[in-house]
């Protein structure tokens, strides 16, 4: 009886192992590049949503405090200790929000600092293209860096090296903040057009 049991218990043959390895290799060759692209596109989604939330927070803070609040791109590290001296930079890698007294940060750095984010926390390969800063008035309207109401949409474009997707976040003169996909046809939900042209928000 023992010998019969031993004869029935056998391992995989060399041929079976080779077939299994070949199948795993084929699946990996097909799936790994797609997985990598999915991860890159997901990081674009995450960065765009974080930037959109930052703009909405800046607007909400301006209305709550009834004073001007600036959303700015910067290549510096946003923090309460540096919020008064941060330089707004077009196409900056990070963003910060600070409360203003007129056109300058509040004297109290803790009161001036609202929030900040390092985009490298999502991915170091991300690129944000857009204005150095957007100012919100106490009523939520958008102002330029001189405090004058703007007449056009303020557009930020988020992309990543080797990703096949780009997204845009735009702010209307009245303070509306929206995330959109330039690859979608005009009229579709989340499409950039017709509000934003492809010249302002090109596809990946």
N, C-alpha and C. Protein backbone atom coordinates (compact mmCIF):
# COMPACT_ATOMS: atom_id res chain seq x y z
N UNK A 1 0.82 -1.21 0.00
CA UNK A 1 0.00 0.00 0.00
C UNK A 1 0.86 1.26 0.00
N UNK A 2 1.92 1.23 0.79
CA UNK A 2 2.84 2.38 0.86
C UNK A 2 3.52 2.63 -0.47
N UNK A 3 3.94 1.54 -1.15
CA UNK A 3 4.60 1.68 -2.46
C UNK A 3 3.66 2.27 -3.49
N UNK A 4 2.36 1.87 -3.44
CA UNK A 4 1.38 2.38 -4.39
C UNK A 4 1.20 3.90 -4.20
N UNK A 5 1.16 4.34 -2.94
CA UNK A 5 1.01 5.78 -2.66
C UNK A 5 2.20 6.57 -3.18
N UNK A 6 3.40 6.02 -3.00
CA UNK A 6 4.60 6.71 -3.48
C UNK A 6 4.62 6.83 -5.00
N UNK A 7 4.11 5.79 -5.68
CA UNK A 7 4.12 5.84 -7.14
C UNK A 7 3.15 6.91 -7.66
N UNK A 8 2.05 7.15 -6.91
CA UNK A 8 1.07 8.12 -7.36
C UNK A 8 1.53 9.57 -7.10
N UNK A 9 2.40 9.80 -6.15
CA UNK A 9 2.90 11.14 -5.82
C UNK A 9 4.17 11.43 -6.63
N UNK A 10 4.01 12.24 -7.65
CA UNK A 10 5.17 12.59 -8.46
C UNK A 10 5.19 14.09 -8.69
N UNK A 11 6.39 14.63 -8.90
CA UNK A 11 6.53 16.06 -9.13
C UNK A 11 6.28 16.42 -10.58
N UNK A 12 6.43 17.72 -10.89
CA UNK A 12 6.26 18.17 -12.28
C UNK A 12 7.45 17.73 -13.11
N UNK A 13 7.19 17.46 -14.36
CA UNK A 13 8.27 17.07 -15.26
C UNK A 13 9.00 18.31 -15.75
N UNK A 14 10.15 18.13 -16.32
CA UNK A 14 10.94 19.24 -16.85
C UNK A 14 10.16 19.97 -17.93
N UNK A 15 9.43 19.24 -18.75
CA UNK A 15 8.64 19.85 -19.82
C UNK A 15 7.54 20.75 -19.25
N UNK A 16 6.88 20.28 -18.19
CA UNK A 16 5.83 21.08 -17.57
C UNK A 16 6.40 22.36 -16.96
N UNK A 17 7.56 22.25 -16.35
CA UNK A 17 8.20 23.45 -15.78
C UNK A 17 8.59 24.45 -16.85
N UNK A 18 9.10 23.94 -17.97
CA UNK A 18 9.49 24.82 -19.07
C UNK A 18 8.28 25.54 -19.66
N UNK A 19 7.17 24.82 -19.78
CA UNK A 19 5.95 25.44 -20.31
C UNK A 19 5.45 26.52 -19.36
N UNK A 20 5.48 26.22 -18.06
CA UNK A 20 5.03 27.20 -17.05
C UNK A 20 5.88 28.45 -17.08
N UNK A 21 7.20 28.28 -17.14
CA UNK A 21 8.12 29.42 -17.20
C UNK A 21 7.87 30.25 -18.45
N UNK A 22 7.63 29.57 -19.58
CA UNK A 22 7.38 30.28 -20.83
C UNK A 22 6.10 31.11 -20.75
N UNK A 23 5.05 30.53 -20.16
CA UNK A 23 3.78 31.25 -20.02
C UNK A 23 3.94 32.47 -19.12
N UNK A 24 4.64 32.28 -17.98
CA UNK A 24 4.88 33.40 -17.07
C UNK A 24 5.67 34.50 -17.77
N UNK A 25 6.66 34.11 -18.57
CA UNK A 25 7.46 35.10 -19.31
C UNK A 25 6.64 35.89 -20.30
N UNK A 26 5.74 35.20 -21.01
CA UNK A 26 4.89 35.88 -22.00
C UNK A 26 3.94 36.86 -21.32
N UNK A 27 3.31 36.39 -20.24
CA UNK A 27 2.38 37.26 -19.50
C UNK A 27 3.10 38.48 -18.94
N UNK A 28 4.32 38.28 -18.42
CA UNK A 28 5.09 39.39 -17.87
C UNK A 28 5.48 40.39 -18.95
N UNK A 29 5.88 39.85 -20.11
CA UNK A 29 6.29 40.74 -21.22
C UNK A 29 5.13 41.61 -21.69
N UNK A 30 3.92 41.06 -21.62
CA UNK A 30 2.75 41.83 -22.04
C UNK A 30 2.28 42.77 -20.93
N UNK A 31 2.25 42.25 -19.70
CA UNK A 31 1.64 42.99 -18.60
C UNK A 31 2.49 44.05 -17.96
N UNK A 32 3.80 43.82 -17.83
CA UNK A 32 4.66 44.77 -17.12
C UNK A 32 4.68 46.15 -17.77
N UNK A 33 4.85 46.27 -19.10
CA UNK A 33 4.83 47.62 -19.70
C UNK A 33 3.49 48.32 -19.49
N UNK A 34 2.39 47.56 -19.60
CA UNK A 34 1.08 48.16 -19.39
C UNK A 34 0.91 48.62 -17.94
N UNK A 35 1.42 47.84 -17.02
CA UNK A 35 1.35 48.21 -15.61
C UNK A 35 2.16 49.48 -15.35
N UNK A 36 3.34 49.58 -15.98
CA UNK A 36 4.16 50.77 -15.82
C UNK A 36 3.46 52.01 -16.34
N UNK A 37 2.79 51.89 -17.50
CA UNK A 37 2.06 53.02 -18.06
C UNK A 37 0.87 53.40 -17.18
N UNK A 38 0.22 52.40 -16.62
CA UNK A 38 -0.90 52.67 -15.73
C UNK A 38 -0.44 53.44 -14.50
N UNK A 39 0.72 53.07 -13.96
CA UNK A 39 1.26 53.76 -12.78
C UNK A 39 1.60 55.21 -13.12
N UNK A 40 2.22 55.43 -14.29
CA UNK A 40 2.57 56.79 -14.70
C UNK A 40 1.31 57.65 -14.88
N UNK A 41 0.30 57.08 -15.53
CA UNK A 41 -0.94 57.83 -15.74
C UNK A 41 -1.65 58.10 -14.42
N UNK A 42 -1.59 57.15 -13.51
CA UNK A 42 -2.22 57.33 -12.20
C UNK A 42 -1.56 58.47 -11.42
N UNK A 43 -0.24 58.60 -11.56
CA UNK A 43 0.45 59.69 -10.87
C UNK A 43 0.04 61.05 -11.44
N UNK A 44 -0.25 61.10 -12.74
CA UNK A 44 -0.75 62.34 -13.34
C UNK A 44 -2.12 62.67 -12.76
N UNK A 45 -2.97 61.65 -12.66
CA UNK A 45 -4.30 61.85 -12.04
C UNK A 45 -4.17 62.39 -10.63
N UNK A 46 -3.30 61.76 -9.83
CA UNK A 46 -3.14 62.15 -8.43
C UNK A 46 -2.65 63.59 -8.31
N UNK A 47 -1.63 63.94 -9.11
CA UNK A 47 -1.07 65.29 -9.04
C UNK A 47 -2.10 66.34 -9.45
N UNK A 48 -2.89 66.03 -10.48
CA UNK A 48 -3.90 66.98 -10.95
C UNK A 48 -4.98 67.18 -9.88
N UNK A 49 -5.39 66.11 -9.23
CA UNK A 49 -6.40 66.22 -8.18
C UNK A 49 -5.86 67.00 -6.98
N UNK A 50 -4.59 66.77 -6.64
CA UNK A 50 -3.99 67.50 -5.51
C UNK A 50 -3.89 68.99 -5.83
N UNK A 51 -3.51 69.32 -7.06
CA UNK A 51 -3.42 70.73 -7.45
C UNK A 51 -4.81 71.36 -7.47
N UNK A 52 -5.80 70.64 -7.98
CA UNK A 52 -7.17 71.13 -7.99
C UNK A 52 -7.66 71.41 -6.57
N UNK A 53 -7.39 70.48 -5.66
CA UNK A 53 -7.79 70.67 -4.27
C UNK A 53 -7.09 71.86 -3.63
N UNK A 54 -5.82 72.08 -4.02
CA UNK A 54 -5.09 73.23 -3.50
C UNK A 54 -5.72 74.54 -3.94
N UNK A 55 -6.10 74.62 -5.21
CA UNK A 55 -6.74 75.83 -5.71
C UNK A 55 -8.09 76.06 -5.03
N UNK A 56 -8.83 75.00 -4.83
CA UNK A 56 -10.13 75.14 -4.15
C UNK A 56 -9.94 75.56 -2.70
N UNK A 57 -8.91 75.04 -2.05
CA UNK A 57 -8.64 75.44 -0.67
C UNK A 57 -8.28 76.91 -0.60
N UNK A 58 -7.47 77.37 -1.56
CA UNK A 58 -7.08 78.78 -1.58
C UNK A 58 -8.30 79.68 -1.74
N UNK A 59 -9.20 79.31 -2.63
CA UNK A 59 -10.41 80.11 -2.83
C UNK A 59 -11.29 80.10 -1.58
N UNK A 60 -11.48 78.91 -1.00
CA UNK A 60 -12.31 78.80 0.20
C UNK A 60 -11.73 79.61 1.35
N UNK A 61 -10.41 79.61 1.47
CA UNK A 61 -9.74 80.35 2.55
C UNK A 61 -9.91 81.85 2.35
N UNK A 62 -9.85 82.30 1.09
CA UNK A 62 -10.03 83.72 0.80
C UNK A 62 -11.44 84.18 1.20
N UNK A 63 -12.42 83.35 0.88
CA UNK A 63 -13.80 83.69 1.23
C UNK A 63 -14.00 83.63 2.74
N UNK A 64 -13.45 82.60 3.38
CA UNK A 64 -13.61 82.45 4.83
C UNK A 64 -13.00 83.62 5.60
N UNK A 65 -11.80 84.05 5.15
CA UNK A 65 -11.11 85.14 5.86
C UNK A 65 -11.51 86.52 5.32
N UNK A 66 -12.16 86.53 4.17
CA UNK A 66 -12.52 87.78 3.50
C UNK A 66 -11.28 88.64 3.24
N UNK A 67 -10.24 87.99 2.70
CA UNK A 67 -9.04 88.71 2.28
C UNK A 67 -8.41 87.96 1.10
N UNK A 68 -7.39 88.55 0.54
CA UNK A 68 -6.76 87.93 -0.61
C UNK A 68 -5.88 86.74 -0.19
N UNK A 69 -5.99 85.68 -0.98
CA UNK A 69 -5.18 84.49 -0.75
C UNK A 69 -4.53 84.09 -2.07
N UNK A 70 -3.26 83.77 -2.00
CA UNK A 70 -2.49 83.44 -3.20
C UNK A 70 -2.18 81.96 -3.27
N UNK A 71 -2.49 81.37 -4.43
CA UNK A 71 -2.03 80.02 -4.75
C UNK A 71 -0.85 80.21 -5.68
N UNK A 72 0.30 79.63 -5.32
CA UNK A 72 1.50 79.88 -6.11
C UNK A 72 2.27 78.60 -6.41
N UNK A 73 2.89 78.57 -7.58
CA UNK A 73 3.86 77.53 -7.90
C UNK A 73 5.23 78.03 -7.46
N UNK A 74 6.05 77.13 -6.98
CA UNK A 74 7.39 77.51 -6.54
C UNK A 74 8.33 76.32 -6.66
N UNK A 75 9.60 76.60 -6.81
CA UNK A 75 10.61 75.53 -6.80
C UNK A 75 11.23 75.37 -5.42
N UNK A 76 10.78 76.20 -4.47
CA UNK A 76 11.27 76.12 -3.11
C UNK A 76 10.38 75.22 -2.26
N UNK A 77 10.82 74.94 -1.05
CA UNK A 77 10.05 74.07 -0.15
C UNK A 77 9.05 74.92 0.63
N UNK A 78 7.75 74.67 0.44
CA UNK A 78 6.76 75.45 1.17
C UNK A 78 6.69 75.06 2.65
N UNK A 79 6.73 76.07 3.52
CA UNK A 79 6.64 75.86 4.96
C UNK A 79 6.28 77.19 5.61
N UNK A 80 5.77 77.12 6.82
CA UNK A 80 5.40 78.35 7.52
C UNK A 80 6.62 79.26 7.70
N UNK A 81 7.77 78.65 7.96
CA UNK A 81 8.98 79.43 8.21
C UNK A 81 9.47 80.19 6.98
N UNK A 82 9.08 79.75 5.80
CA UNK A 82 9.56 80.39 4.57
C UNK A 82 8.44 81.02 3.74
N UNK A 83 7.21 80.95 4.23
CA UNK A 83 6.08 81.36 3.40
C UNK A 83 6.14 82.83 2.99
N UNK A 84 6.74 83.69 3.80
CA UNK A 84 6.79 85.11 3.47
C UNK A 84 7.82 85.43 2.40
N UNK A 85 8.81 84.55 2.23
CA UNK A 85 9.89 84.83 1.27
C UNK A 85 9.86 83.90 0.05
N UNK A 86 8.87 83.00 -0.02
CA UNK A 86 8.80 82.10 -1.18
C UNK A 86 8.66 82.91 -2.47
N UNK A 87 9.33 82.43 -3.51
CA UNK A 87 9.22 83.08 -4.81
C UNK A 87 8.27 82.29 -5.70
N UNK A 88 7.26 82.99 -6.21
CA UNK A 88 6.34 82.37 -7.16
C UNK A 88 7.07 82.17 -8.49
N UNK A 89 6.97 80.97 -9.04
CA UNK A 89 7.71 80.62 -10.25
C UNK A 89 6.80 79.95 -11.26
N UNK A 90 6.76 80.50 -12.47
CA UNK A 90 5.99 79.85 -13.53
C UNK A 90 6.53 78.44 -13.75
N UNK A 91 5.62 77.47 -13.88
CA UNK A 91 5.98 76.06 -14.08
C UNK A 91 6.77 75.48 -12.91
N UNK A 92 6.54 76.00 -11.70
CA UNK A 92 7.26 75.51 -10.52
C UNK A 92 6.91 74.06 -10.19
N UNK A 93 7.79 73.41 -9.46
CA UNK A 93 7.63 71.99 -9.11
C UNK A 93 6.72 71.76 -7.91
N UNK A 94 6.55 72.76 -7.06
CA UNK A 94 5.74 72.61 -5.85
C UNK A 94 4.69 73.72 -5.82
N UNK A 95 3.77 73.64 -4.85
CA UNK A 95 2.83 74.75 -4.69
C UNK A 95 2.63 75.09 -3.23
N UNK A 96 2.20 76.33 -3.01
CA UNK A 96 1.96 76.82 -1.67
C UNK A 96 0.77 77.78 -1.70
N UNK A 97 0.13 77.92 -0.54
CA UNK A 97 -0.99 78.86 -0.40
C UNK A 97 -0.65 79.79 0.76
N UNK A 98 -0.79 81.10 0.51
CA UNK A 98 -0.51 82.05 1.59
C UNK A 98 -1.54 83.18 1.58
N UNK A 99 -1.86 83.66 2.77
CA UNK A 99 -2.81 84.76 2.93
C UNK A 99 -2.05 86.08 2.82
N UNK A 100 -2.70 87.06 2.20
CA UNK A 100 -2.04 88.32 1.91
C UNK A 100 -2.70 89.51 2.61
N UNK A 101 -1.87 90.49 2.85
CA UNK A 101 -2.33 91.80 3.28
C UNK A 101 -2.11 92.72 2.08
N UNK A 102 -3.14 92.90 1.30
CA UNK A 102 -2.97 93.60 0.02
C UNK A 102 -2.32 92.66 -0.99
N UNK A 103 -1.04 92.92 -1.30
CA UNK A 103 -0.31 92.06 -2.24
C UNK A 103 0.91 91.41 -1.60
N UNK A 104 1.06 91.57 -0.30
CA UNK A 104 2.19 90.98 0.41
C UNK A 104 1.69 90.02 1.49
N UNK A 105 2.49 89.01 1.84
CA UNK A 105 2.05 88.05 2.87
C UNK A 105 1.78 88.72 4.21
N UNK A 106 0.87 88.15 4.98
CA UNK A 106 0.59 88.66 6.31
C UNK A 106 1.87 88.68 7.14
N UNK A 107 1.97 89.62 8.05
CA UNK A 107 3.18 89.77 8.87
C UNK A 107 3.44 88.53 9.73
N UNK A 108 2.39 87.92 10.25
CA UNK A 108 2.52 86.71 11.07
C UNK A 108 2.65 85.51 10.13
N UNK A 109 3.81 84.86 10.11
CA UNK A 109 4.03 83.77 9.17
C UNK A 109 3.07 82.60 9.38
N UNK A 110 2.67 82.37 10.63
CA UNK A 110 1.74 81.27 10.90
C UNK A 110 0.35 81.58 10.38
N UNK A 111 -0.02 82.85 10.40
CA UNK A 111 -1.30 83.26 9.84
C UNK A 111 -1.23 83.30 8.31
N UNK A 112 -0.05 83.62 7.78
CA UNK A 112 0.13 83.70 6.33
C UNK A 112 0.13 82.32 5.67
N UNK A 113 0.73 81.34 6.34
CA UNK A 113 0.84 80.00 5.75
C UNK A 113 -0.50 79.26 5.84
N UNK A 114 -0.97 78.79 4.70
CA UNK A 114 -2.22 78.03 4.65
C UNK A 114 -1.94 76.56 4.37
N UNK A 115 -1.17 76.30 3.31
CA UNK A 115 -0.87 74.91 2.95
C UNK A 115 0.26 74.91 1.91
N UNK A 116 0.80 73.73 1.66
CA UNK A 116 1.84 73.57 0.65
C UNK A 116 2.00 72.10 0.29
N UNK A 117 2.62 71.86 -0.84
CA UNK A 117 2.79 70.47 -1.27
C UNK A 117 4.02 70.34 -2.16
N UNK A 118 4.76 69.23 -1.95
CA UNK A 118 5.91 68.90 -2.79
C UNK A 118 5.46 67.85 -3.80
N UNK A 119 5.45 68.20 -5.08
CA UNK A 119 4.95 67.27 -6.09
C UNK A 119 5.85 66.05 -6.26
N UNK A 120 7.10 66.14 -5.81
CA UNK A 120 7.98 64.97 -5.91
C UNK A 120 7.48 63.84 -5.02
N UNK A 121 6.59 64.15 -4.09
CA UNK A 121 6.01 63.11 -3.27
C UNK A 121 5.09 62.20 -4.09
N UNK A 122 4.60 62.73 -5.20
CA UNK A 122 3.82 61.90 -6.13
C UNK A 122 4.77 61.24 -7.12
N UNK A 123 5.63 62.04 -7.76
CA UNK A 123 6.66 61.53 -8.67
C UNK A 123 7.63 62.67 -9.01
N UNK A 124 8.93 62.37 -9.06
CA UNK A 124 9.90 63.41 -9.43
C UNK A 124 9.85 63.76 -10.91
N UNK A 125 9.14 62.93 -11.71
CA UNK A 125 9.08 63.16 -13.16
C UNK A 125 7.91 64.03 -13.59
N UNK A 126 7.13 64.51 -12.65
CA UNK A 126 5.96 65.32 -12.99
C UNK A 126 6.35 66.72 -13.44
N UNK A 127 5.56 67.27 -14.35
CA UNK A 127 5.76 68.64 -14.81
C UNK A 127 4.44 69.39 -14.70
N UNK A 128 4.50 70.57 -14.11
CA UNK A 128 3.32 71.44 -14.04
C UNK A 128 3.63 72.70 -14.83
N UNK A 129 2.80 72.97 -15.82
CA UNK A 129 2.95 74.18 -16.62
C UNK A 129 1.80 75.12 -16.29
N UNK A 130 2.11 76.35 -15.95
CA UNK A 130 1.04 77.27 -15.63
C UNK A 130 1.55 78.55 -15.01
N UNK A 131 0.63 79.45 -14.69
CA UNK A 131 1.02 80.76 -14.14
C UNK A 131 1.72 80.62 -12.80
N UNK A 132 2.57 81.57 -12.50
CA UNK A 132 3.32 81.54 -11.24
C UNK A 132 2.37 81.61 -10.05
N UNK A 133 1.29 82.38 -10.16
CA UNK A 133 0.36 82.49 -9.04
C UNK A 133 -1.03 82.87 -9.52
N UNK A 134 -1.98 82.53 -8.68
CA UNK A 134 -3.38 82.92 -8.87
C UNK A 134 -3.85 83.52 -7.55
N UNK A 135 -4.40 84.72 -7.60
CA UNK A 135 -4.90 85.38 -6.41
C UNK A 135 -6.42 85.30 -6.38
N UNK A 136 -6.95 84.98 -5.20
CA UNK A 136 -8.39 84.98 -5.01
C UNK A 136 -8.76 86.14 -4.09
N UNK A 137 -9.79 86.87 -4.47
CA UNK A 137 -10.27 87.96 -3.62
C UNK A 137 -11.15 87.40 -2.51
N UNK A 138 -11.56 88.26 -1.58
CA UNK A 138 -12.42 87.82 -0.50
C UNK A 138 -13.77 87.32 -0.97
N UNK A 139 -14.14 87.65 -2.20
CA UNK A 139 -15.40 87.16 -2.76
C UNK A 139 -15.19 85.94 -3.65
N UNK A 140 -13.92 85.49 -3.77
CA UNK A 140 -13.62 84.30 -4.56
C UNK A 140 -13.27 84.56 -6.01
N UNK A 141 -13.28 85.82 -6.43
CA UNK A 141 -12.91 86.13 -7.82
C UNK A 141 -11.40 86.06 -7.99
N UNK A 142 -10.96 85.84 -9.24
CA UNK A 142 -9.54 85.69 -9.54
C UNK A 142 -8.93 87.03 -9.93
N UNK A 143 -7.77 87.31 -9.33
CA UNK A 143 -7.05 88.55 -9.59
C UNK A 143 -5.67 88.23 -10.16
N UNK A 144 -5.07 89.20 -10.86
CA UNK A 144 -3.69 89.02 -11.30
C UNK A 144 -2.76 89.46 -10.17
N UNK A 145 -1.45 89.42 -10.43
CA UNK A 145 -0.50 89.72 -9.35
C UNK A 145 -0.46 91.20 -8.98
N UNK A 146 -1.26 92.02 -9.66
CA UNK A 146 -1.38 93.43 -9.30
C UNK A 146 -2.71 93.71 -8.60
N UNK A 147 -3.50 92.66 -8.42
CA UNK A 147 -4.78 92.82 -7.74
C UNK A 147 -5.92 93.21 -8.63
N UNK A 148 -5.72 93.09 -9.95
CA UNK A 148 -6.77 93.45 -10.91
C UNK A 148 -7.50 92.19 -11.36
N UNK A 149 -8.81 92.26 -11.46
CA UNK A 149 -9.61 91.11 -11.87
C UNK A 149 -9.20 90.64 -13.27
N UNK A 150 -9.05 89.33 -13.45
CA UNK A 150 -8.65 88.78 -14.74
C UNK A 150 -9.88 88.53 -15.60
N UNK A 151 -9.66 88.45 -16.90
CA UNK A 151 -10.77 88.21 -17.83
C UNK A 151 -10.69 86.85 -18.50
N UNK A 152 -9.59 86.12 -18.26
CA UNK A 152 -9.42 84.84 -18.93
C UNK A 152 -9.17 83.72 -17.93
N UNK A 153 -9.34 82.49 -18.40
CA UNK A 153 -9.11 81.32 -17.55
C UNK A 153 -7.61 81.18 -17.24
N UNK A 154 -7.31 80.76 -16.01
CA UNK A 154 -5.94 80.46 -15.61
C UNK A 154 -5.77 78.95 -15.69
N UNK A 155 -4.81 78.49 -16.50
CA UNK A 155 -4.72 77.06 -16.83
C UNK A 155 -3.40 76.47 -16.35
N UNK A 156 -3.50 75.32 -15.68
CA UNK A 156 -2.34 74.52 -15.29
C UNK A 156 -2.42 73.18 -16.02
N UNK A 157 -1.30 72.77 -16.60
CA UNK A 157 -1.24 71.49 -17.30
C UNK A 157 -0.28 70.57 -16.56
N UNK A 158 -0.74 69.35 -16.28
CA UNK A 158 0.07 68.39 -15.52
C UNK A 158 0.39 67.20 -16.42
N UNK A 159 1.67 66.85 -16.51
CA UNK A 159 2.10 65.73 -17.33
C UNK A 159 3.25 65.02 -16.63
N UNK A 160 3.67 63.90 -17.20
CA UNK A 160 4.79 63.15 -16.64
C UNK A 160 5.59 62.51 -17.76
N UNK A 161 6.89 62.45 -17.60
CA UNK A 161 7.76 61.84 -18.58
C UNK A 161 7.31 60.42 -18.89
N UNK A 162 7.17 60.09 -20.16
CA UNK A 162 6.80 58.75 -20.66
C UNK A 162 5.34 58.38 -20.42
N UNK A 163 4.55 59.25 -19.80
CA UNK A 163 3.12 58.97 -19.64
C UNK A 163 2.40 59.35 -20.93
N UNK A 164 1.33 58.62 -21.24
CA UNK A 164 0.58 58.94 -22.45
C UNK A 164 -0.69 59.72 -22.12
N UNK A 165 -0.66 60.41 -20.98
CA UNK A 165 -1.82 61.17 -20.53
C UNK A 165 -1.38 62.49 -19.93
N UNK A 166 -2.13 63.53 -20.20
CA UNK A 166 -1.92 64.83 -19.57
C UNK A 166 -3.27 65.36 -19.14
N UNK A 167 -3.32 66.08 -18.04
CA UNK A 167 -4.56 66.67 -17.54
C UNK A 167 -4.36 68.15 -17.29
N UNK A 168 -5.44 68.88 -17.27
CA UNK A 168 -5.37 70.31 -16.98
C UNK A 168 -6.33 70.66 -15.87
N UNK A 169 -5.95 71.65 -15.10
CA UNK A 169 -6.82 72.24 -14.08
C UNK A 169 -6.92 73.72 -14.42
N UNK A 170 -8.15 74.22 -14.55
CA UNK A 170 -8.28 75.64 -14.87
C UNK A 170 -9.20 76.34 -13.88
N UNK A 171 -8.96 77.64 -13.76
CA UNK A 171 -9.75 78.49 -12.87
C UNK A 171 -10.42 79.56 -13.71
N UNK A 172 -11.73 79.66 -13.61
CA UNK A 172 -12.46 80.69 -14.35
C UNK A 172 -12.28 82.03 -13.65
N UNK A 173 -12.53 83.14 -14.37
CA UNK A 173 -12.41 84.45 -13.72
C UNK A 173 -13.29 84.59 -12.48
N UNK A 174 -14.41 83.87 -12.47
CA UNK A 174 -15.31 83.93 -11.33
C UNK A 174 -14.91 83.05 -10.17
N UNK A 175 -13.86 82.23 -10.36
CA UNK A 175 -13.36 81.39 -9.28
C UNK A 175 -13.72 79.92 -9.38
N UNK A 176 -14.36 79.51 -10.46
CA UNK A 176 -14.66 78.09 -10.62
C UNK A 176 -13.39 77.30 -10.92
N UNK A 177 -13.20 76.17 -10.25
CA UNK A 177 -12.01 75.34 -10.44
C UNK A 177 -12.45 73.99 -10.99
N UNK A 178 -11.84 73.59 -12.12
CA UNK A 178 -12.25 72.34 -12.77
C UNK A 178 -11.04 71.59 -13.30
N UNK A 179 -11.08 70.27 -13.18
CA UNK A 179 -10.07 69.39 -13.76
C UNK A 179 -10.62 68.85 -15.07
N UNK A 180 -9.79 68.81 -16.12
CA UNK A 180 -10.29 68.34 -17.41
C UNK A 180 -9.22 67.54 -18.15
N UNK A 181 -9.69 66.76 -19.13
CA UNK A 181 -8.83 65.89 -19.94
C UNK A 181 -8.86 66.37 -21.39
N UNK A 182 -7.75 66.87 -21.92
CA UNK A 182 -7.75 67.39 -23.30
C UNK A 182 -7.92 66.31 -24.35
N UNK A 183 -7.78 65.03 -23.99
CA UNK A 183 -7.94 63.95 -24.96
C UNK A 183 -9.40 63.64 -25.24
N UNK A 184 -10.30 64.14 -24.40
CA UNK A 184 -11.73 63.86 -24.59
C UNK A 184 -12.34 64.85 -25.58
N UNK A 185 -13.33 64.37 -26.32
CA UNK A 185 -13.99 65.22 -27.32
C UNK A 185 -14.84 66.28 -26.63
N UNK A 186 -14.98 67.41 -27.29
CA UNK A 186 -15.76 68.52 -26.76
C UNK A 186 -17.18 68.06 -26.41
N UNK A 187 -17.63 68.45 -25.26
CA UNK A 187 -18.97 68.08 -24.83
C UNK A 187 -19.02 66.89 -23.90
N UNK A 188 -17.97 66.07 -23.89
CA UNK A 188 -17.95 64.92 -22.99
C UNK A 188 -17.67 65.39 -21.56
N UNK A 189 -18.16 64.61 -20.57
CA UNK A 189 -17.83 64.96 -19.18
C UNK A 189 -16.31 64.98 -18.99
N UNK A 190 -15.81 65.95 -18.28
CA UNK A 190 -14.38 66.12 -18.00
C UNK A 190 -13.56 66.54 -19.22
N UNK A 191 -14.21 66.88 -20.34
CA UNK A 191 -13.48 67.38 -21.50
C UNK A 191 -13.06 68.82 -21.25
N UNK A 192 -11.90 69.21 -21.79
CA UNK A 192 -11.43 70.60 -21.64
C UNK A 192 -12.16 71.53 -22.60
N UNK A 193 -12.40 71.04 -23.80
CA UNK A 193 -13.08 71.85 -24.80
C UNK A 193 -14.59 71.83 -24.55
N UNK A 194 -15.29 72.90 -24.84
CA UNK A 194 -14.83 74.12 -25.53
C UNK A 194 -14.31 75.22 -24.59
N UNK A 195 -14.34 74.99 -23.28
CA UNK A 195 -13.90 76.06 -22.37
C UNK A 195 -12.41 76.36 -22.50
N UNK A 196 -11.62 75.29 -22.68
CA UNK A 196 -10.17 75.47 -22.82
C UNK A 196 -9.74 74.90 -24.16
N UNK A 197 -9.02 75.69 -24.93
CA UNK A 197 -8.56 75.23 -26.24
C UNK A 197 -7.35 74.31 -26.11
N UNK A 198 -7.10 73.51 -27.14
CA UNK A 198 -5.95 72.60 -27.11
C UNK A 198 -4.65 73.38 -27.16
N UNK A 199 -4.68 74.61 -27.59
CA UNK A 199 -3.45 75.43 -27.58
C UNK A 199 -3.04 75.76 -26.14
N UNK A 200 -4.02 75.88 -25.25
CA UNK A 200 -3.74 76.16 -23.85
C UNK A 200 -3.54 74.88 -23.04
N UNK A 201 -4.15 73.79 -23.52
CA UNK A 201 -4.03 72.52 -22.82
C UNK A 201 -3.87 71.40 -23.85
N UNK A 202 -2.67 71.24 -24.41
CA UNK A 202 -2.47 70.21 -25.44
C UNK A 202 -2.52 68.78 -24.86
N UNK A 203 -2.83 67.85 -25.73
CA UNK A 203 -2.85 66.44 -25.32
C UNK A 203 -1.43 65.97 -25.05
N UNK A 204 -1.32 64.79 -24.43
CA UNK A 204 0.00 64.22 -24.15
C UNK A 204 0.70 63.88 -25.45
